[in-house]
């Protein structure tokens, strides 16, 4: 089986925490006390969601695209 790839967006959740979510899988969102922990947590969440979708006979989405870019606005 080929590997599946998904986009993960990591954001500062404050007080050292990192929030992670997957645009292609809206039910996947988690956080960790560090970037490494958030990466581990989101991998586990993706695997869990994919397993649940397979059990329900739901389609696994293909990888889309995600872009994060700064927009500067005068203060």
Protein backbone atom coordinates (compact mmCIF):
# COMPACT_ATOMS: atom_id res chain seq x y z
CA UNK A 1 0.00 0.00 0.00
CA UNK A 2 1.27 3.47 -0.85
CA UNK A 3 1.74 5.95 1.96
CA UNK A 4 -0.89 8.63 2.42
CA UNK A 5 0.16 12.24 2.89
CA UNK A 6 -1.81 14.98 4.59
CA UNK A 7 -1.10 18.63 5.27
CA UNK A 8 -0.71 19.53 8.92
CA UNK A 9 -0.95 23.13 10.11
CA UNK A 10 0.80 23.92 13.38
CA UNK A 11 -0.06 27.04 15.36
CA UNK A 12 1.06 28.61 18.60
CA UNK A 13 -1.61 27.82 21.18
CA UNK A 14 0.02 29.91 23.92
CA UNK A 15 2.00 29.06 27.01
CA UNK A 16 4.31 26.76 25.02
CA UNK A 17 1.51 24.61 23.57
CA UNK A 18 1.27 23.84 19.84
CA UNK A 19 -2.12 23.32 18.14
CA UNK A 20 -2.23 21.05 15.06
CA UNK A 21 -4.99 20.44 12.54
CA UNK A 22 -5.37 18.74 9.15
CA UNK A 23 -7.36 20.61 6.46
CA UNK A 24 -8.23 17.41 4.56
CA UNK A 25 -9.53 15.73 7.72
CA UNK A 26 -11.57 18.33 9.62
CA UNK A 27 -12.09 15.98 12.56
CA UNK A 28 -8.32 15.91 13.21
CA UNK A 29 -7.21 18.59 15.62
CA UNK A 30 -4.97 18.16 18.62
CA UNK A 31 -2.25 19.86 20.59
CA UNK A 32 0.99 19.14 22.39
CA UNK A 33 3.26 20.79 24.91
CA UNK A 34 5.93 21.07 22.20
CA UNK A 35 6.17 20.84 18.42
CA UNK A 36 7.51 17.29 18.70
CA UNK A 37 4.61 16.23 20.92
CA UNK A 38 2.09 17.92 18.60
CA UNK A 39 3.62 16.03 15.66
CA UNK A 40 3.24 12.74 17.51
CA UNK A 41 -0.30 13.55 18.62
CA UNK A 42 -1.46 14.57 15.13
CA UNK A 43 0.00 11.39 13.61
CA UNK A 44 -1.97 9.31 16.13
CA UNK A 45 -5.12 11.34 15.47
CA UNK A 46 -4.79 10.88 11.70
CA UNK A 47 -4.36 7.12 12.09
CA UNK A 48 -7.40 6.94 14.38
CA UNK A 49 -9.61 8.96 12.03
CA UNK A 50 -8.52 6.97 8.97
CA UNK A 51 -9.33 3.73 10.81
CA UNK A 52 -12.78 5.02 11.77
CA UNK A 53 -13.49 6.22 8.23
CA UNK A 54 -12.48 2.83 6.83
CA UNK A 55 -14.78 1.03 9.29
CA UNK A 56 -17.68 3.23 8.19
CA UNK A 57 -16.83 2.69 4.52
CA UNK A 58 -16.11 6.36 4.00
CA UNK A 59 -13.74 7.69 1.39
CA UNK A 60 -10.22 8.69 2.40
CA UNK A 61 -9.57 12.14 0.90
CA UNK A 62 -6.62 12.82 -1.35
CA UNK A 63 -4.02 15.32 -0.31
CA UNK A 64 -5.08 18.85 -1.02
CA UNK A 65 -2.95 21.87 -0.46
CA UNK A 66 -2.53 24.31 2.36
CA UNK A 67 -0.79 27.66 2.40
CA UNK A 68 0.09 29.85 5.32
CA UNK A 69 1.42 33.28 4.48
CA UNK A 70 1.72 36.56 6.34
CA UNK A 71 -0.32 39.58 5.30
CA UNK A 72 1.04 42.92 6.48
CA UNK A 73 -1.48 45.60 7.41
CA UNK A 74 -0.48 49.08 8.56
CA UNK A 75 -1.08 49.53 12.27
